[in-house]
């Protein structure tokens, strides 16, 4: 009986520890996502600036995917979509 009680306590501590580790992993993943979205936003601005410089200097360029690169990613909208998806699941 003592061994059973000890096993119950040990399993409880393991589950609490795993829960805490999962919460930390979720926070890190959310932070990574936010950083990635901000980096994407900054990259879009850089593409626009380079395009303006090229246009100002009169340099001929052929970027087939320029319009796709200039599409801005709004971090708030992406996070809202993720939240909506996770609430629906």
PDB file of N, CA and C in Angstrom:
ATOM      1  N   UNK A   1       0.831  -1.197   0.000  1.00  0.00           N
ATOM      2  CA  UNK A   1       0.000   0.000   0.000  1.00  0.00           C
ATOM      3  C   UNK A   1       0.872   1.256   0.000  1.00  0.00           C
ATOM      4  N   UNK A   2       1.970   1.233   0.733  1.00  0.00           N
ATOM      5  CA  UNK A   2       2.878   2.382   0.775  1.00  0.00           C
ATOM      6  C   UNK A   2       3.472   2.621  -0.605  1.00  0.00           C
ATOM      7  N   UNK A   3       3.816   1.565  -1.289  1.00  0.00           N
ATOM      8  CA  UNK A   3       4.380   1.685  -2.632  1.00  0.00           C
ATOM      9  C   UNK A   3       3.349   2.285  -3.587  1.00  0.00           C
ATOM     10  N   UNK A   4       2.093   1.912  -3.451  1.00  0.00           N
ATOM     11  CA  UNK A   4       1.032   2.454  -4.297  1.00  0.00           C
ATOM     12  C   UNK A   4       0.862   3.948  -4.062  1.00  0.00           C
ATOM     13  N   UNK A   5       0.864   4.360  -2.814  1.00  0.00           N
ATOM     14  CA  UNK A   5       0.734   5.784  -2.492  1.00  0.00           C
ATOM     15  C   UNK A   5       1.933   6.554  -3.040  1.00  0.00           C
ATOM     16  N   UNK A   6       3.117   5.981  -2.905  1.00  0.00           N
ATOM     17  CA  UNK A   6       4.312   6.631  -3.437  1.00  0.00           C
ATOM     18  C   UNK A   6       4.219   6.752  -4.957  1.00  0.00           C
ATOM     19  N   UNK A   7       3.723   5.746  -5.623  1.00  0.00           N
ATOM     20  CA  UNK A   7       3.558   5.783  -7.075  1.00  0.00           C
ATOM     21  C   UNK A   7       2.566   6.865  -7.482  1.00  0.00           C
ATOM     22  N   UNK A   8       1.505   7.029  -6.712  1.00  0.00           N
ATOM     23  CA  UNK A   8       0.515   8.074  -6.996  1.00  0.00           C
ATOM     24  C   UNK A   8       1.160   9.452  -6.874  1.00  0.00           C
ATOM     25  N   UNK A   9       1.917   9.680  -5.816  1.00  0.00           N
ATOM     26  CA  UNK A   9       2.580  10.972  -5.642  1.00  0.00           C
ATOM     27  C   UNK A   9       3.597  11.234  -6.752  1.00  0.00           C
ATOM     28  N   UNK A  10       4.371  10.214  -7.087  1.00  0.00           N
ATOM     29  CA  UNK A  10       5.365  10.380  -8.144  1.00  0.00           C
ATOM     30  C   UNK A  10       4.703  10.693  -9.486  1.00  0.00           C
ATOM     31  N   UNK A  11       3.646   9.991  -9.817  1.00  0.00           N
ATOM     32  CA  UNK A  11       2.963  10.241 -11.086  1.00  0.00           C
ATOM     33  C   UNK A  11       2.334  11.635 -11.108  1.00  0.00           C
ATOM     34  N   UNK A  12       1.839  12.083  -9.949  1.00  0.00           N
ATOM     35  CA  UNK A  12       1.288  13.441  -9.857  1.00  0.00           C
ATOM     36  C   UNK A  12       2.370  14.475 -10.109  1.00  0.00           C
ATOM     37  N   UNK A  13       3.521  14.306  -9.506  1.00  0.00           N
ATOM     38  CA  UNK A  13       4.616  15.252  -9.697  1.00  0.00           C
ATOM     39  C   UNK A  13       5.099  15.249 -11.146  1.00  0.00           C
ATOM     40  N   UNK A  14       5.141  14.076 -11.759  1.00  0.00           N
ATOM     41  CA  UNK A  14       5.569  13.985 -13.157  1.00  0.00           C
ATOM     42  C   UNK A  14       4.574  14.709 -14.055  1.00  0.00           C
ATOM     43  N   UNK A  15       3.288  14.524 -13.824  1.00  0.00           N
ATOM     44  CA  UNK A  15       2.271  15.194 -14.639  1.00  0.00           C
ATOM     45  C   UNK A  15       2.319  16.711 -14.467  1.00  0.00           C
ATOM     46  N   UNK A  16       2.513  17.181 -13.248  1.00  0.00           N
ATOM     47  CA  UNK A  16       2.628  18.623 -13.013  1.00  0.00           C
ATOM     48  C   UNK A  16       3.847  19.173 -13.740  1.00  0.00           C
ATOM     49  N   UNK A  17       4.944  18.453 -13.665  1.00  0.00           N
ATOM     50  CA  UNK A  17       6.167  18.883 -14.337  1.00  0.00           C
ATOM     51  C   UNK A  17       5.980  18.909 -15.854  1.00  0.00           C
ATOM     52  N   UNK A  18       5.346  17.912 -16.409  1.00  0.00           N
ATOM     53  CA  UNK A  18       5.101  17.875 -17.843  1.00  0.00           C
ATOM     54  C   UNK A  18       4.187  19.015 -18.279  1.00  0.00           C
ATOM     55  N   UNK A  19       3.184  19.313 -17.466  1.00  0.00           N
ATOM     56  CA  UNK A  19       2.261  20.411 -17.770  1.00  0.00           C
ATOM     57  C   UNK A  19       3.020  21.737 -17.804  1.00  0.00           C
ATOM     58  N   UNK A  20       3.891  21.947 -16.845  1.00  0.00           N
ATOM     59  CA  UNK A  20       4.683  23.174 -16.784  1.00  0.00           C
ATOM     60  C   UNK A  20       5.607  23.281 -17.997  1.00  0.00           C
ATOM     61  N   UNK A  21       6.218  22.177 -18.374  1.00  0.00           N
ATOM     62  CA  UNK A  21       7.114  22.171 -19.538  1.00  0.00           C
ATOM     63  C   UNK A  21       6.339  22.447 -20.831  1.00  0.00           C
ATOM     64  N   UNK A  22       5.121  21.918 -20.927  1.00  0.00           N
ATOM     65  CA  UNK A  22       4.284  22.163 -22.098  1.00  0.00           C
ATOM     66  C   UNK A  22       3.905  23.632 -22.199  1.00  0.00           C
ATOM     67  N   UNK A  23       3.578  24.245 -21.072  1.00  0.00           N
ATOM     68  CA  UNK A  23       3.244  25.663 -21.072  1.00  0.00           C
ATOM     69  C   UNK A  23       4.437  26.504 -21.515  1.00  0.00           C
ATOM     70  N   UNK A  24       5.626  26.169 -21.050  1.00  0.00           N
ATOM     71  CA  UNK A  24       6.822  26.898 -21.457  1.00  0.00           C
ATOM     72  C   UNK A  24       7.082  26.721 -22.950  1.00  0.00           C
ATOM     73  N   UNK A  25       6.896  25.525 -23.449  1.00  0.00           N
ATOM     74  CA  UNK A  25       7.095  25.264 -24.879  1.00  0.00           C
ATOM     75  C   UNK A  25       6.089  26.046 -25.718  1.00  0.00           C
ATOM     76  N   UNK A  26       4.850  26.133 -25.238  1.00  0.00           N
ATOM     77  CA  UNK A  26       3.834  26.907 -25.954  1.00  0.00           C
ATOM     78  C   UNK A  26       4.200  28.387 -25.998  1.00  0.00           C
ATOM     79  N   UNK A  27       4.680  28.920 -24.872  1.00  0.00           N
ATOM     80  CA  UNK A  27       5.090  30.332 -24.843  1.00  0.00           C
ATOM     81  C   UNK A  27       6.264  30.587 -25.780  1.00  0.00           C
ATOM     82  N   UNK A  28       7.216  29.666 -25.803  1.00  0.00           N
ATOM     83  CA  UNK A  28       8.366  29.823 -26.714  1.00  0.00           C
ATOM     84  C   UNK A  28       7.926  29.763 -28.171  1.00  0.00           C
ATOM     85  N   UNK A  29       7.019  28.858 -28.479  1.00  0.00           N
ATOM     86  CA  UNK A  29       6.524  28.734 -29.852  1.00  0.00           C
ATOM     87  C   UNK A  29       5.781  30.000 -30.278  1.00  0.00           C
ATOM     88  N   UNK A  30       4.991  30.562 -29.376  1.00  0.00           N
ATOM     89  CA  UNK A  30       4.275  31.798 -29.691  1.00  0.00           C
ATOM     90  C   UNK A  30       5.253  32.951 -29.908  1.00  0.00           C
ATOM     91  N   UNK A  31       6.277  33.023 -29.088  1.00  0.00           N
ATOM     92  CA  UNK A  31       7.291  34.066 -29.252  1.00  0.00           C
ATOM     93  C   UNK A  31       8.037  33.891 -30.573  1.00  0.00           C
ATOM     94  N   UNK A  32       8.382  32.665 -30.913  1.00  0.00           N
ATOM     95  CA  UNK A  32       9.045  32.391 -32.193  1.00  0.00           C
ATOM     96  C   UNK A  32       8.169  32.821 -33.366  1.00  0.00           C
ATOM     97  N   UNK A  33       6.878  32.538 -33.268  1.00  0.00           N
ATOM     98  CA  UNK A  33       5.949  32.929 -34.323  1.00  0.00           C
ATOM     99  C   UNK A  33       5.886  34.443 -34.460  1.00  0.00           C
ATOM    100  N   UNK A  34       5.788  35.144 -33.343  1.00  0.00           N
ATOM    101  CA  UNK A  34       5.724  36.601 -33.391  1.00  0.00           C
ATOM    102  C   UNK A  34       6.995  37.187 -33.989  1.00  0.00           C
ATOM    103  N   UNK A  35       8.133  36.654 -33.618  1.00  0.00           N
ATOM    104  CA  UNK A  35       9.401  37.135 -34.173  1.00  0.00           C
ATOM    105  C   UNK A  35       9.459  36.865 -35.674  1.00  0.00           C
ATOM    106  N   UNK A  36       9.025  35.700 -36.095  1.00  0.00           N
ATOM    107  CA  UNK A  36       9.025  35.373 -37.521  1.00  0.00           C
ATOM    108  C   UNK A  36       8.091  36.293 -38.306  1.00  0.00           C
ATOM    109  N   UNK A  37       6.942  36.581 -37.740  1.00  0.00           N
ATOM    110  CA  UNK A  37       5.996  37.476 -38.419  1.00  0.00           C
ATOM    111  C   UNK A  37       6.553  38.894 -38.520  1.00  0.00           C
ATOM    112  N   UNK A  38       7.198  39.362 -37.474  1.00  0.00           N
ATOM    113  CA  UNK A  38       7.805  40.691 -37.525  1.00  0.00           C
ATOM    114  C   UNK A  38       8.950  40.736 -38.532  1.00  0.00           C
ATOM    115  N   UNK A  39       9.726  39.679 -38.603  1.00  0.00           N
ATOM    116  CA  UNK A  39      10.811  39.618 -39.583  1.00  0.00           C
ATOM    117  C   UNK A  39      10.241  39.626 -41.003  1.00  0.00           C
ATOM    118  N   UNK A  40       9.151  38.922 -41.212  1.00  0.00           N
ATOM    119  CA  UNK A  40       8.491  38.924 -42.524  1.00  0.00           C
ATOM    120  C   UNK A  40       7.990  40.323 -42.867  1.00  0.00           C
ATOM    121  N   UNK A  41       7.424  40.997 -41.906  1.00  0.00           N
ATOM    122  CA  UNK A  41       6.928  42.364 -42.095  1.00  0.00           C
ATOM    123  C   UNK A  41       8.084  43.298 -42.475  1.00  0.00           C
ATOM    124  N   UNK A  42       9.196  43.181 -41.786  1.00  0.00           N
ATOM    125  CA  UNK A  42      10.362  44.014 -42.084  1.00  0.00           C
ATOM    126  C   UNK A  42      10.932  43.677 -43.461  1.00  0.00           C
ATOM    127  N   UNK A  43      10.951  42.420 -43.822  1.00  0.00           N
ATOM    128  CA  UNK A  43      11.454  42.013 -45.141  1.00  0.00           C
ATOM    129  C   UNK A  43      10.592  42.608 -46.254  1.00  0.00           C
ATOM    130  N   UNK A  44       9.294  42.641 -46.037  1.00  0.00           N
ATOM    131  CA  UNK A  44       8.399  43.243 -47.020  1.00  0.00           C
ATOM    132  C   UNK A  44       8.724  44.714 -47.207  1.00  0.00           C
ATOM    133  N   UNK A  45       8.969  45.413 -46.117  1.00  0.00           N
ATOM    134  CA  UNK A  45       9.330  46.839 -46.195  1.00  0.00           C
ATOM    135  C   UNK A  45      10.657  47.015 -46.938  1.00  0.00           C
ATOM    136  N   UNK A  46      11.604  46.135 -46.696  1.00  0.00           N
ATOM    137  CA  UNK A  46      12.891  46.222 -47.388  1.00  0.00           C
ATOM    138  C   UNK A  46      12.733  46.010 -48.892  1.00  0.00           C
ATOM    139  N   UNK A  47      11.876  45.077 -49.285  1.00  0.00           N
ATOM    140  CA  UNK A  47      11.628  44.842 -50.709  1.00  0.00           C
ATOM    141  C   UNK A  47      11.034  46.096 -51.343  1.00  0.00           C
ATOM    142  N   UNK A  48      10.099  46.732 -50.645  1.00  0.00           N
ATOM    143  CA  UNK A  48       9.508  47.963 -51.168  1.00  0.00           C
ATOM    144  C   UNK A  48      10.545  49.068 -51.303  1.00  0.00           C
ATOM    145  N   UNK A  49      11.434  49.178 -50.325  1.00  0.00           N
ATOM    146  CA  UNK A  49      12.471  50.204 -50.379  1.00  0.00           C
ATOM    147  C   UNK A  49      13.439  49.945 -51.525  1.00  0.00           C
ATOM    148  N   UNK A  50      13.839  48.696 -51.715  1.00  0.00           N
ATOM    149  CA  UNK A  50      14.748  48.356 -52.814  1.00  0.00           C
ATOM    150  C   UNK A  50      14.077  48.644 -54.155  1.00  0.00           C
ATOM    151  N   UNK A  51      12.802  48.327 -54.272  1.00  0.00           N
ATOM    152  CA  UNK A  51      12.082  48.617 -55.506  1.00  0.00           C
ATOM    153  C   UNK A  51      12.050  50.120 -55.773  1.00  0.00           C
ATOM    154  N   UNK A  52      11.829  50.917 -54.729  1.00  0.00           N
ATOM    155  CA  UNK A  52      11.814  52.374 -54.894  1.00  0.00           C
ATOM    156  C   UNK A  52      13.188  52.886 -55.322  1.00  0.00           C
ATOM    157  N   UNK A  53      14.245  52.337 -54.767  1.00  0.00           N
ATOM    158  CA  UNK A  53      15.603  52.744 -55.145  1.00  0.00           C
ATOM    159  C   UNK A  53      15.875  52.375 -56.606  1.00  0.00           C
ATOM    160  N   UNK A  54      15.497  51.171 -56.993  1.00  0.00           N
ATOM    161  CA  UNK A  54      15.691  50.723 -58.374  1.00  0.00           C
ATOM    162  C   UNK A  54      14.924  51.636 -59.330  1.00  0.00           C
ATOM    163  N   UNK A  55      13.694  51.960 -58.968  1.00  0.00           N
ATOM    164  CA  UNK A  55      12.882  52.845 -59.800  1.00  0.00           C
ATOM    165  C   UNK A  55      13.504  54.235 -59.879  1.00  0.00           C
ATOM    166  N   UNK A  56      13.960  54.757 -58.758  1.00  0.00           N
ATOM    167  CA  UNK A  56      14.574  56.088 -58.716  1.00  0.00           C
ATOM    168  C   UNK A  56      15.851  56.148 -59.557  1.00  0.00           C
ATOM    169  N   UNK A  57      16.642  55.097 -59.530  1.00  0.00           N
ATOM    170  CA  UNK A  57      17.883  55.064 -60.299  1.00  0.00           C
ATOM    171  C   UNK A  57      17.657  54.713 -61.767  1.00  0.00           C
ATOM    172  N   UNK A  58      16.451  54.316 -62.108  1.00  0.00           N
ATOM    173  CA  UNK A  58      16.133  53.984 -63.485  1.00  0.00           C
ATOM    174  C   UNK A  58      16.726  52.676 -63.951  1.00  0.00           C
ATOM    175  N   UNK A  59      16.944  51.773 -63.051  1.00  0.00           N
ATOM    176  CA  UNK A  59      17.523  50.475 -63.386  1.00  0.00           C
ATOM    177  C   UNK A  59      16.412  49.542 -63.867  1.00  0.00           C
ATOM    178  N   UNK A  60      16.679  48.887 -64.980  1.00  0.00           N
ATOM    179  CA  UNK A  60      15.727  47.893 -65.488  1.00  0.00           C
ATOM    180  C   UNK A  60      15.849  46.618 -64.655  1.00  0.00           C
ATOM    181  N   UNK A  61      14.742  46.083 -64.265  1.00  0.00           N
ATOM    182  CA  UNK A  61      14.775  44.835 -63.493  1.00  0.00           C
ATOM    183  C   UNK A  61      13.612  43.955 -63.931  1.00  0.00           C
ATOM    184  N   UNK A  62      13.793  42.673 -63.745  1.00  0.00           N
ATOM    185  CA  UNK A  62      12.747  41.706 -64.073  1.00  0.00           C
ATOM    186  C   UNK A  62      12.590  40.757 -62.891  1.00  0.00           C
ATOM    187  N   UNK A  63      11.712  41.119 -62.010  1.00  0.00           N
ATOM    188  CA  UNK A  63      11.379  40.247 -60.884  1.00  0.00           C
ATOM    189  C   UNK A  63       9.975  39.743 -61.130  1.00  0.00           C
ATOM    190  N   UNK A  64       9.871  38.502 -61.450  1.00  0.00           N
ATOM    191  CA  UNK A  64       8.549  37.941 -61.732  1.00  0.00           C
ATOM    192  C   UNK A  64       7.695  37.823 -60.482  1.00  0.00           C
ATOM    193  N   UNK A  65       8.330  37.642 -59.358  1.00  0.00           N
ATOM    194  CA  UNK A  65       7.582  37.437 -58.117  1.00  0.00           C
ATOM    195  C   UNK A  65       7.589  38.675 -57.213  1.00  0.00           C
ATOM    196  N   UNK A  66       7.844  39.848 -57.782  1.00  0.00           N
ATOM    197  CA  UNK A  66       7.942  41.061 -56.973  1.00  0.00           C
ATOM    198  C   UNK A  66       6.632  41.384 -56.260  1.00  0.00           C
ATOM    199  N   UNK A  67       5.525  41.269 -56.962  1.00  0.00           N
ATOM    200  CA  UNK A  67       4.234  41.602 -56.338  1.00  0.00           C
ATOM    201  C   UNK A  67       3.928  40.660 -55.174  1.00  0.00           C
ATOM    202  N   UNK A  68       4.308  39.412 -55.328  1.00  0.00           N
ATOM    203  CA  UNK A  68       4.099  38.455 -54.242  1.00  0.00           C
ATOM    204  C   UNK A  68       4.970  38.813 -53.040  1.00  0.00           C
ATOM    205  N   UNK A  69       6.208  39.245 -53.303  1.00  0.00           N
ATOM    206  CA  UNK A  69       7.105  39.625 -52.212  1.00  0.00           C
ATOM    207  C   UNK A  69       6.644  40.882 -51.505  1.00  0.00           C
ATOM    208  N   UNK A  70       5.953  41.764 -52.217  1.00  0.00           N
ATOM    209  CA  UNK A  70       5.507  43.021 -51.633  1.00  0.00           C
ATOM    210  C   UNK A  70       4.229  42.874 -50.805  1.00  0.00           C
ATOM    211  N   UNK A  71       3.589  41.726 -50.887  1.00  0.00           N
ATOM    212  CA  UNK A  71       2.367  41.538 -50.096  1.00  0.00           C
ATOM    213  C   UNK A  71       2.718  41.539 -48.625  1.00  0.00           C
ATOM    214  N   UNK A  72       2.075  42.424 -47.900  1.00  0.00           N
ATOM    215  CA  UNK A  72       2.376  42.578 -46.482  1.00  0.00           C
ATOM    216  C   UNK A  72       1.646  41.520 -45.667  1.00  0.00           C
ATOM    217  N   UNK A  73       2.339  40.991 -44.699  1.00  0.00           N
ATOM    218  CA  UNK A  73       1.762  40.030 -43.763  1.00  0.00           C
ATOM    219  C   UNK A  73       1.500  40.782 -42.469  1.00  0.00           C
ATOM    220  N   UNK A  74       0.238  40.907 -42.107  1.00  0.00           N
ATOM    221  CA  UNK A  74      -0.116  41.593 -40.865  1.00  0.00           C
ATOM    222  C   UNK A  74      -0.028  40.594 -39.713  1.00  0.00           C
ATOM    223  N   UNK A  75       0.939  40.777 -38.798  1.00  0.00           N
ATOM    224  CA  UNK A  75       1.099  39.817 -37.707  1.00  0.00           C
ATOM    225  C   UNK A  75      -0.166  39.651 -36.869  1.00  0.00           C
ATOM    226  N   UNK A  76      -0.898  40.736 -36.673  1.00  0.00           N
ATOM    227  CA  UNK A  76      -2.106  40.658 -35.846  1.00  0.00           C
ATOM    228  C   UNK A  76      -3.139  39.726 -36.473  1.00  0.00           C
ATOM    229  N   UNK A  77      -3.296  39.822 -37.798  1.00  0.00           N
ATOM    230  CA  UNK A  77      -4.297  38.990 -38.472  1.00  0.00           C
ATOM    231  C   UNK A  77      -3.909  37.511 -38.434  1.00  0.00           C
ATOM    232  N   UNK A  78      -2.636  37.234 -38.576  1.00  0.00           N
ATOM    233  CA  UNK A  78      -2.181  35.841 -38.521  1.00  0.00           C
ATOM    234  C   UNK A  78      -2.423  35.266 -37.131  1.00  0.00           C
ATOM    235  N   UNK A  79      -2.084  36.047 -36.101  1.00  0.00           N
ATOM    236  CA  UNK A  79      -2.302  35.573 -34.728  1.00  0.00           C
ATOM    237  C   UNK A  79      -3.786  35.388 -34.434  1.00  0.00           C
ATOM    238  N   UNK A  80      -4.632  36.293 -34.944  1.00  0.00           N
ATOM    239  CA  UNK A  80      -6.072  36.142 -34.764  1.00  0.00           C
ATOM    240  C   UNK A  80      -6.577  34.866 -35.442  1.00  0.00           C
ATOM    241  N   UNK A  81      -6.083  34.589 -36.646  1.00  0.00           N
ATOM    242  CA  UNK A  81      -6.502  33.386 -37.359  1.00  0.00           C
ATOM    243  C   UNK A  81      -6.070  32.136 -36.616  1.00  0.00           C
ATOM    244  N   UNK A  82      -4.878  32.159 -36.050  1.00  0.00           N
ATOM    245  CA  UNK A  82      -4.398  31.001 -35.276  1.00  0.00           C
ATOM    246  C   UNK A  82      -5.269  30.819 -34.034  1.00  0.00           C
ATOM    247  N   UNK A  83      -5.591  31.910 -33.359  1.00  0.00           N
ATOM    248  CA  UNK A  83      -6.440  31.837 -32.174  1.00  0.00           C
ATOM    249  C   UNK A  83      -7.830  31.279 -32.527  1.00  0.00           C
ATOM    250  N   UNK A  84      -8.398  31.761 -33.634  1.00  0.00           N
ATOM    251  CA  UNK A  84      -9.710  31.271 -34.049  1.00  0.00           C
ATOM    252  C   UNK A  84      -9.661  29.783 -34.372  1.00  0.00           C
ATOM    253  N   UNK A  85      -8.596  29.377 -35.042  1.00  0.00           N
ATOM    254  CA  UNK A  85      -8.458  27.970 -35.398  1.00  0.00           C
ATOM    255  C   UNK A  85      -8.290  27.089 -34.161  1.00  0.00           C
ATOM    256  N   UNK A  86      -7.508  27.568 -33.199  1.00  0.00           N
ATOM    257  CA  UNK A  86      -7.283  26.765 -31.995  1.00  0.00           C
ATOM    258  C   UNK A  86      -8.529  26.718 -31.121  1.00  0.00           C
ATOM    259  N   UNK A  87      -9.353  27.774 -31.144  1.00  0.00           N
ATOM    260  CA  UNK A  87     -10.593  27.748 -30.370  1.00  0.00           C
ATOM    261  C   UNK A  87     -11.617  26.808 -30.999  1.00  0.00           C
ATOM    262  N   UNK A  88     -11.582  26.709 -32.330  1.00  0.00           N
ATOM    263  CA  UNK A  88     -12.508  25.818 -33.041  1.00  0.00           C
ATOM    264  C   UNK A  88     -12.154  24.352 -32.887  1.00  0.00           C
ATOM    265  N   UNK A  89     -10.898  24.089 -32.556  1.00  0.00           N
ATOM    266  CA  UNK A  89     -10.464  22.694 -32.452  1.00  0.00           C
ATOM    267  C   UNK A  89     -10.771  22.077 -31.133  1.00  0.00           C
TER     268      UNK A  89
END
